[in-house]
Amino acid sequence: MIARFVEKATRLTGLQPNIDVALAALVTHYDLPDDAAFGMFATARSVGLLAHSLEQLNVGQVIRPRGRYVGKVPERT
């Protein structure tokens, strides 16, 4: 059932499923409370941020990746 939903959503939108679809699938499959998806997402984000903080403590500085935009320059309106 979930696989059919993902296939149909992909077909209709042209987009690949993201974490929201995975969380909705977990909530549906395991009959979790309606707010369980938010709790799982928030917990995962918190753990990820903590991991980044610990990584930066090990190098003794804030890690700031540098990037450069290489796309088309937007026109001013």
PDB file of N, CA and C in Angstrom:
ATOM      1  N   MET A   1       0.803  -1.184   0.000  1.00  0.00           N
ATOM      2  CA  MET A   1       0.000   0.000   0.000  1.00  0.00           C
ATOM      3  C   MET A   1       0.855   1.260   0.000  1.00  0.00           C
ATOM      4  N   ILE A   2       1.880   1.327   0.837  1.00  0.00           N
ATOM      5  CA  ILE A   2       2.742   2.503   0.908  1.00  0.00           C
ATOM      6  C   ILE A   2       3.539   2.648  -0.377  1.00  0.00           C
ATOM      7  N   ALA A   3       4.024   1.528  -0.910  1.00  0.00           N
ATOM      8  CA  ALA A   3       4.788   1.576  -2.161  1.00  0.00           C
ATOM      9  C   ALA A   3       3.924   2.131  -3.290  1.00  0.00           C
ATOM     10  N   ARG A   4       2.653   1.742  -3.343  1.00  0.00           N
ATOM     11  CA  ARG A   4       1.747   2.268  -4.378  1.00  0.00           C
ATOM     12  C   ARG A   4       1.547   3.766  -4.201  1.00  0.00           C
ATOM     13  N   PHE A   5       1.413   4.206  -2.953  1.00  0.00           N
ATOM     14  CA  PHE A   5       1.257   5.629  -2.677  1.00  0.00           C
ATOM     15  C   PHE A   5       2.478   6.414  -3.152  1.00  0.00           C
ATOM     16  N   VAL A   6       3.670   5.913  -2.828  1.00  0.00           N
ATOM     17  CA  VAL A   6       4.907   6.590  -3.230  1.00  0.00           C
ATOM     18  C   VAL A   6       5.005   6.636  -4.756  1.00  0.00           C
ATOM     19  N   GLU A   7       4.710   5.522  -5.421  1.00  0.00           N
ATOM     20  CA  GLU A   7       4.764   5.481  -6.884  1.00  0.00           C
ATOM     21  C   GLU A   7       3.778   6.482  -7.497  1.00  0.00           C
ATOM     22  N   LYS A   8       2.564   6.534  -6.971  1.00  0.00           N
ATOM     23  CA  LYS A   8       1.558   7.447  -7.505  1.00  0.00           C
ATOM     24  C   LYS A   8       1.949   8.902  -7.266  1.00  0.00           C
ATOM     25  N   ALA A   9       2.431   9.203  -6.070  1.00  0.00           N
ATOM     26  CA  ALA A   9       2.849  10.570  -5.759  1.00  0.00           C
ATOM     27  C   ALA A   9       4.006  10.996  -6.660  1.00  0.00           C
ATOM     28  N   THR A  10       4.949  10.093  -6.892  1.00  0.00           N
ATOM     29  CA  THR A  10       6.076  10.385  -7.773  1.00  0.00           C
ATOM     30  C   THR A  10       5.585  10.628  -9.194  1.00  0.00           C
ATOM     31  N   ARG A  11       4.691   9.801  -9.644  1.00  0.00           N
ATOM     32  CA  ARG A  11       4.162   9.930 -10.996  1.00  0.00           C
ATOM     33  C   ARG A  11       3.394  11.245 -11.159  1.00  0.00           C
ATOM     34  N   LEU A  12       2.581  11.606 -10.178  1.00  0.00           N
ATOM     35  CA  LEU A  12       1.763  12.811 -10.278  1.00  0.00           C
ATOM     36  C   LEU A  12       2.577  14.100 -10.145  1.00  0.00           C
ATOM     37  N   THR A  13       3.591  14.083  -9.296  1.00  0.00           N
ATOM     38  CA  THR A  13       4.353  15.307  -9.035  1.00  0.00           C
ATOM     39  C   THR A  13       5.654  15.392  -9.807  1.00  0.00           C
ATOM     40  N   GLY A  14       6.182  14.240 -10.219  1.00  0.00           N
ATOM     41  CA  GLY A  14       7.492  14.229 -10.865  1.00  0.00           C
ATOM     42  C   GLY A  14       8.634  14.372  -9.875  1.00  0.00           C
ATOM     43  N   LEU A  15       8.320  14.341  -8.593  1.00  0.00           N
ATOM     44  CA  LEU A  15       9.332  14.498  -7.549  1.00  0.00           C
ATOM     45  C   LEU A  15       9.559  13.176  -6.823  1.00  0.00           C
ATOM     46  N   GLN A  16      10.769  12.993  -6.341  1.00  0.00           N
ATOM     47  CA  GLN A  16      11.082  11.814  -5.546  1.00  0.00           C
ATOM     48  C   GLN A  16      10.635  12.047  -4.110  1.00  0.00           C
ATOM     49  N   PRO A  17      10.221  10.986  -3.421  1.00  0.00           N
ATOM     50  CA  PRO A  17       9.777  11.147  -2.031  1.00  0.00           C
ATOM     51  C   PRO A  17      10.905  11.665  -1.138  1.00  0.00           C
ATOM     52  N   ASN A  18      10.525  12.400  -0.114  1.00  0.00           N
ATOM     53  CA  ASN A  18      11.507  12.906   0.841  1.00  0.00           C
ATOM     54  C   ASN A  18      11.239  12.290   2.217  1.00  0.00           C
ATOM     55  N   ILE A  19      11.853  12.834   3.224  1.00  0.00           N
ATOM     56  CA  ILE A  19      11.744  12.282   4.569  1.00  0.00           C
ATOM     57  C   ILE A  19      10.308  12.337   5.088  1.00  0.00           C
ATOM     58  N   ASP A  20       9.532  13.303   4.622  1.00  0.00           N
ATOM     59  CA  ASP A  20       8.143  13.400   5.067  1.00  0.00           C
ATOM     60  C   ASP A  20       7.342  12.167   4.674  1.00  0.00           C
ATOM     61  N   VAL A  21       7.593  11.644   3.481  1.00  0.00           N
ATOM     62  CA  VAL A  21       6.888  10.433   3.030  1.00  0.00           C
ATOM     63  C   VAL A  21       7.305   9.239   3.888  1.00  0.00           C
ATOM     64  N   ALA A  22       8.588   9.152   4.182  1.00  0.00           N
ATOM     65  CA  ALA A  22       9.075   8.047   5.006  1.00  0.00           C
ATOM     66  C   ALA A  22       8.461   8.100   6.407  1.00  0.00           C
ATOM     67  N   LEU A  23       8.379   9.289   6.980  1.00  0.00           N
ATOM     68  CA  LEU A  23       7.787   9.430   8.308  1.00  0.00           C
ATOM     69  C   LEU A  23       6.296   9.111   8.283  1.00  0.00           C
ATOM     70  N   ALA A  24       5.604   9.576   7.248  1.00  0.00           N
ATOM     71  CA  ALA A  24       4.178   9.261   7.118  1.00  0.00           C
ATOM     72  C   ALA A  24       3.975   7.752   6.984  1.00  0.00           C
ATOM     73  N   ALA A  25       4.865   7.091   6.245  1.00  0.00           N
ATOM     74  CA  ALA A  25       4.769   5.642   6.081  1.00  0.00           C
ATOM     75  C   ALA A  25       4.964   4.931   7.424  1.00  0.00           C
ATOM     76  N   LEU A  26       5.928   5.382   8.209  1.00  0.00           N
ATOM     77  CA  LEU A  26       6.160   4.776   9.525  1.00  0.00           C
ATOM     78  C   LEU A  26       4.947   4.958  10.440  1.00  0.00           C
ATOM     79  N   VAL A  27       4.418   6.180  10.464  1.00  0.00           N
ATOM     80  CA  VAL A  27       3.261   6.468  11.314  1.00  0.00           C
ATOM     81  C   VAL A  27       2.077   5.595  10.906  1.00  0.00           C
ATOM     82  N   THR A  28       1.862   5.465   9.598  1.00  0.00           N
ATOM     83  CA  THR A  28       0.737   4.662   9.105  1.00  0.00           C
ATOM     84  C   THR A  28       0.950   3.180   9.376  1.00  0.00           C
ATOM     85  N   HIS A  29       2.135   2.683   9.044  1.00  0.00           N
ATOM     86  CA  HIS A  29       2.414   1.253   9.171  1.00  0.00           C
ATOM     87  C   HIS A  29       2.330   0.769  10.619  1.00  0.00           C
ATOM     88  N   TYR A  30       2.865   1.564  11.533  1.00  0.00           N
ATOM     89  CA  TYR A  30       2.904   1.153  12.934  1.00  0.00           C
ATOM     90  C   TYR A  30       1.757   1.742  13.757  1.00  0.00           C
ATOM     91  N   ASP A  31       0.800   2.401  13.085  1.00  0.00           N
ATOM     92  CA  ASP A  31      -0.369   2.974  13.743  1.00  0.00           C
ATOM     93  C   ASP A  31       0.041   3.855  14.930  1.00  0.00           C
ATOM     94  N   LEU A  32       0.984   4.754  14.670  1.00  0.00           N
ATOM     95  CA  LEU A  32       1.504   5.650  15.700  1.00  0.00           C
ATOM     96  C   LEU A  32       0.574   6.855  15.852  1.00  0.00           C
ATOM     97  N   PRO A  33       0.707   7.599  16.933  1.00  0.00           N
ATOM     98  CA  PRO A  33      -0.103   8.808  17.104  1.00  0.00           C
ATOM     99  C   PRO A  33       0.172   9.818  15.985  1.00  0.00           C
ATOM    100  N   ASP A  34      -0.797  10.687  15.724  1.00  0.00           N
ATOM    101  CA  ASP A  34      -0.682  11.647  14.628  1.00  0.00           C
ATOM    102  C   ASP A  34       0.561  12.526  14.715  1.00  0.00           C
ATOM    103  N   ASP A  35       0.987  12.879  15.924  1.00  0.00           N
ATOM    104  CA  ASP A  35       2.133  13.775  16.072  1.00  0.00           C
ATOM    105  C   ASP A  35       3.477  13.040  16.161  1.00  0.00           C
ATOM    106  N   ALA A  36       3.487  11.741  15.955  1.00  0.00           N
ATOM    107  CA  ALA A  36       4.725  10.962  16.057  1.00  0.00           C
ATOM    108  C   ALA A  36       5.740  11.353  14.993  1.00  0.00           C
ATOM    109  N   ALA A  37       5.267  11.681  13.783  1.00  0.00           N
ATOM    110  CA  ALA A  37       6.197  12.052  12.703  1.00  0.00           C
ATOM    111  C   ALA A  37       6.991  13.289  13.097  1.00  0.00           C
ATOM    112  N   PHE A  38       6.318  14.286  13.661  1.00  0.00           N
ATOM    113  CA  PHE A  38       7.020  15.492  14.085  1.00  0.00           C
ATOM    114  C   PHE A  38       8.045  15.173  15.169  1.00  0.00           C
ATOM    115  N   GLY A  39       7.669  14.356  16.138  1.00  0.00           N
ATOM    116  CA  GLY A  39       8.594  13.986  17.208  1.00  0.00           C
ATOM    117  C   GLY A  39       9.835  13.269  16.681  1.00  0.00           C
ATOM    118  N   MET A  40       9.630  12.348  15.742  1.00  0.00           N
ATOM    119  CA  MET A  40      10.777  11.630  15.166  1.00  0.00           C
ATOM    120  C   MET A  40      11.663  12.582  14.369  1.00  0.00           C
ATOM    121  N   PHE A  41      11.047  13.482  13.588  1.00  0.00           N
ATOM    122  CA  PHE A  41      11.817  14.438  12.802  1.00  0.00           C
ATOM    123  C   PHE A  41      12.629  15.361  13.710  1.00  0.00           C
ATOM    124  N   ALA A  42      11.976  15.901  14.739  1.00  0.00           N
ATOM    125  CA  ALA A  42      12.654  16.821  15.653  1.00  0.00           C
ATOM    126  C   ALA A  42      13.791  16.129  16.396  1.00  0.00           C
ATOM    127  N   THR A  43      13.572  14.884  16.796  1.00  0.00           N
ATOM    128  CA  THR A  43      14.623  14.133  17.486  1.00  0.00           C
ATOM    129  C   THR A  43      15.809  13.905  16.560  1.00  0.00           C
ATOM    130  N   ALA A  44      15.537  13.516  15.330  1.00  0.00           N
ATOM    131  CA  ALA A  44      16.622  13.268  14.371  1.00  0.00           C
ATOM    132  C   ALA A  44      17.409  14.547  14.099  1.00  0.00           C
ATOM    133  N   ARG A  45      16.702  15.664  13.935  1.00  0.00           N
ATOM    134  CA  ARG A  45      17.395  16.939  13.701  1.00  0.00           C
ATOM    135  C   ARG A  45      18.265  17.314  14.896  1.00  0.00           C
ATOM    136  N   SER A  46      17.728  17.112  16.099  1.00  0.00           N
ATOM    137  CA  SER A  46      18.482  17.448  17.312  1.00  0.00           C
ATOM    138  C   SER A  46      19.743  16.615  17.421  1.00  0.00           C
ATOM    139  N   VAL A  47      19.635  15.329  17.136  1.00  0.00           N
ATOM    140  CA  VAL A  47      20.804  14.443  17.185  1.00  0.00           C
ATOM    141  C   VAL A  47      21.833  14.881  16.151  1.00  0.00           C
ATOM    142  N   GLY A  48      21.363  15.233  14.954  1.00  0.00           N
ATOM    143  CA  GLY A  48      22.275  15.684  13.904  1.00  0.00           C
ATOM    144  C   GLY A  48      22.999  16.962  14.291  1.00  0.00           C
ATOM    145  N   LEU A  49      22.265  17.913  14.855  1.00  0.00           N
ATOM    146  CA  LEU A  49      22.901  19.164  15.286  1.00  0.00           C
ATOM    147  C   LEU A  49      23.902  18.924  16.411  1.00  0.00           C
ATOM    148  N   LEU A  50      23.563  18.028  17.318  1.00  0.00           N
ATOM    149  CA  LEU A  50      24.492  17.683  18.389  1.00  0.00           C
ATOM    150  C   LEU A  50      25.764  17.054  17.817  1.00  0.00           C
ATOM    151  N   ALA A  51      25.611  16.178  16.832  1.00  0.00           N
ATOM    152  CA  ALA A  51      26.778  15.547  16.209  1.00  0.00           C
ATOM    153  C   ALA A  51      27.681  16.589  15.554  1.00  0.00           C
ATOM    154  N   HIS A  52      27.085  17.564  14.875  1.00  0.00           N
ATOM    155  CA  HIS A  52      27.891  18.633  14.264  1.00  0.00           C
ATOM    156  C   HIS A  52      28.612  19.448  15.325  1.00  0.00           C
ATOM    157  N   SER A  53      27.927  19.726  16.427  1.00  0.00           N
ATOM    158  CA  SER A  53      28.552  20.489  17.507  1.00  0.00           C
ATOM    159  C   SER A  53      29.742  19.741  18.090  1.00  0.00           C
ATOM    160  N   LEU A  54      29.571  18.449  18.332  1.00  0.00           N
ATOM    161  CA  LEU A  54      30.668  17.646  18.873  1.00  0.00           C
ATOM    162  C   LEU A  54      31.835  17.582  17.894  1.00  0.00           C
ATOM    163  N   GLU A  55      31.539  17.476  16.608  1.00  0.00           N
ATOM    164  CA  GLU A  55      32.588  17.453  15.589  1.00  0.00           C
ATOM    165  C   GLU A  55      33.387  18.754  15.616  1.00  0.00           C
ATOM    166  N   GLN A  56      32.691  19.875  15.759  1.00  0.00           N
ATOM    167  CA  GLN A  56      33.377  21.161  15.783  1.00  0.00           C
ATOM    168  C   GLN A  56      34.204  21.338  17.047  1.00  0.00           C
ATOM    169  N   LEU A  57      33.767  20.748  18.159  1.00  0.00           N
ATOM    170  CA  LEU A  57      34.574  20.799  19.380  1.00  0.00           C
ATOM    171  C   LEU A  57      35.902  20.081  19.181  1.00  0.00           C
ATOM    172  N   ASN A  58      35.885  18.996  18.415  1.00  0.00           N
ATOM    173  CA  ASN A  58      37.115  18.224  18.177  1.00  0.00           C
ATOM    174  C   ASN A  58      38.147  18.997  17.371  1.00  0.00           C
ATOM    175  N   VAL A  59      37.696  19.877  16.471  1.00  0.00           N
ATOM    176  CA  VAL A  59      38.656  20.631  15.661  1.00  0.00           C
ATOM    177  C   VAL A  59      38.943  22.001  16.264  1.00  0.00           C
ATOM    178  N   GLY A  60      38.193  22.383  17.295  1.00  0.00           N
ATOM    179  CA  GLY A  60      38.470  23.625  18.007  1.00  0.00           C
ATOM    180  C   GLY A  60      38.035  24.887  17.289  1.00  0.00           C
ATOM    181  N   GLN A  61      37.181  24.761  16.282  1.00  0.00           N
ATOM    182  CA  GLN A  61      36.681  25.946  15.583  1.00  0.00           C
ATOM    183  C   GLN A  61      35.332  25.621  14.936  1.00  0.00           C
ATOM    184  N   VAL A  62      34.653  26.672  14.541  1.00  0.00           N
ATOM    185  CA  VAL A  62      33.388  26.484  13.857  1.00  0.00           C
ATOM    186  C   VAL A  62      33.679  26.103  12.412  1.00  0.00           C
ATOM    187  N   ILE A  63      33.067  25.022  11.972  1.00  0.00           N
ATOM    188  CA  ILE A  63      33.265  24.578  10.597  1.00  0.00           C
ATOM    189  C   ILE A  63      32.242  25.296   9.726  1.00  0.00           C
ATOM    190  N   ARG A  64      32.730  26.067   8.790  1.00  0.00           N
ATOM    191  CA  ARG A  64      31.834  26.793   7.889  1.00  0.00           C
ATOM    192  C   ARG A  64      32.212  26.441   6.454  1.00  0.00           C
ATOM    193  N   PRO A  65      31.477  25.515   5.873  1.00  0.00           N
ATOM    194  CA  PRO A  65      31.807  25.163   4.500  1.00  0.00           C
ATOM    195  C   PRO A  65      31.612  26.353   3.563  1.00  0.00           C
ATOM    196  N   ARG A  66      32.472  26.459   2.602  1.00  0.00           N
ATOM    197  CA  ARG A  66      32.377  27.534   1.628  1.00  0.00           C
ATOM    198  C   ARG A  66      31.776  26.982   0.347  1.00  0.00           C
ATOM    199  N   GLY A  67      30.913  27.721  -0.236  1.00  0.00           N
ATOM    200  CA  GLY A  67      30.292  27.314  -1.492  1.00  0.00           C
ATOM    201  C   GLY A  67      30.184  28.506  -2.412  1.00  0.00           C
ATOM    202  N   ARG A  68      30.026  28.211  -3.669  1.00  0.00           N
ATOM    203  CA  ARG A  68      29.895  29.286  -4.640  1.00  0.00           C
ATOM    204  C   ARG A  68      28.742  28.937  -5.569  1.00  0.00           C
ATOM    205  N   TYR A  69      27.814  29.862  -5.730  1.00  0.00           N
ATOM    206  CA  TYR A  69      26.670  29.641  -6.605  1.00  0.00           C
ATOM    207  C   TYR A  69      27.139  29.713  -8.047  1.00  0.00           C
ATOM    208  N   VAL A  70      26.794  28.715  -8.837  1.00  0.00           N
ATOM    209  CA  VAL A  70      27.235  28.681 -10.224  1.00  0.00           C
ATOM    210  C   VAL A  70      26.060  28.713 -11.202  1.00  0.00           C
ATOM    211  N   GLY A  71      24.870  28.947 -10.682  1.00  0.00           N
ATOM    212  CA  GLY A  71      23.679  28.992 -11.531  1.00  0.00           C
ATOM    213  C   GLY A  71      23.513  30.326 -12.221  1.00  0.00           C
ATOM    214  N   LYS A  72      22.403  30.447 -12.935  1.00  0.00           N
ATOM    215  CA  LYS A  72      22.090  31.680 -13.654  1.00  0.00           C
ATOM    216  C   LYS A  72      21.785  32.787 -12.643  1.00  0.00           C
ATOM    217  N   VAL A  73      22.295  33.969 -12.907  1.00  0.00           N
ATOM    218  CA  VAL A  73      22.058  35.126 -12.035  1.00  0.00           C
ATOM    219  C   VAL A  73      20.605  35.579 -12.220  1.00  0.00           C
ATOM    220  N   PRO A  74      19.844  35.648 -11.120  1.00  0.00           N
ATOM    221  CA  PRO A  74      18.448  36.065 -11.255  1.00  0.00           C
ATOM    222  C   PRO A  74      18.356  37.506 -11.751  1.00  0.00           C
ATOM    223  N   GLU A  75      17.361  37.771 -12.583  1.00  0.00           N
ATOM    224  CA  GLU A  75      17.135  39.125 -13.073  1.00  0.00           C
ATOM    225  C   GLU A  75      16.378  39.929 -12.026  1.00  0.00           C
ATOM    226  N   ARG A  76      16.719  41.195 -11.930  1.00  0.00           N
ATOM    227  CA  ARG A  76      16.017  42.077 -10.989  1.00  0.00           C
ATOM    228  C   ARG A  76      14.697  42.497 -11.604  1.00  0.00           C
ATOM    229  N   THR A  77      13.671  42.536 -10.768  1.00  0.00           N
ATOM    230  CA  THR A  77      12.359  42.960 -11.257  1.00  0.00           C
ATOM    231  C   THR A  77      11.937  44.277 -10.685  1.00  0.00           C
TER     232      THR A  77
END
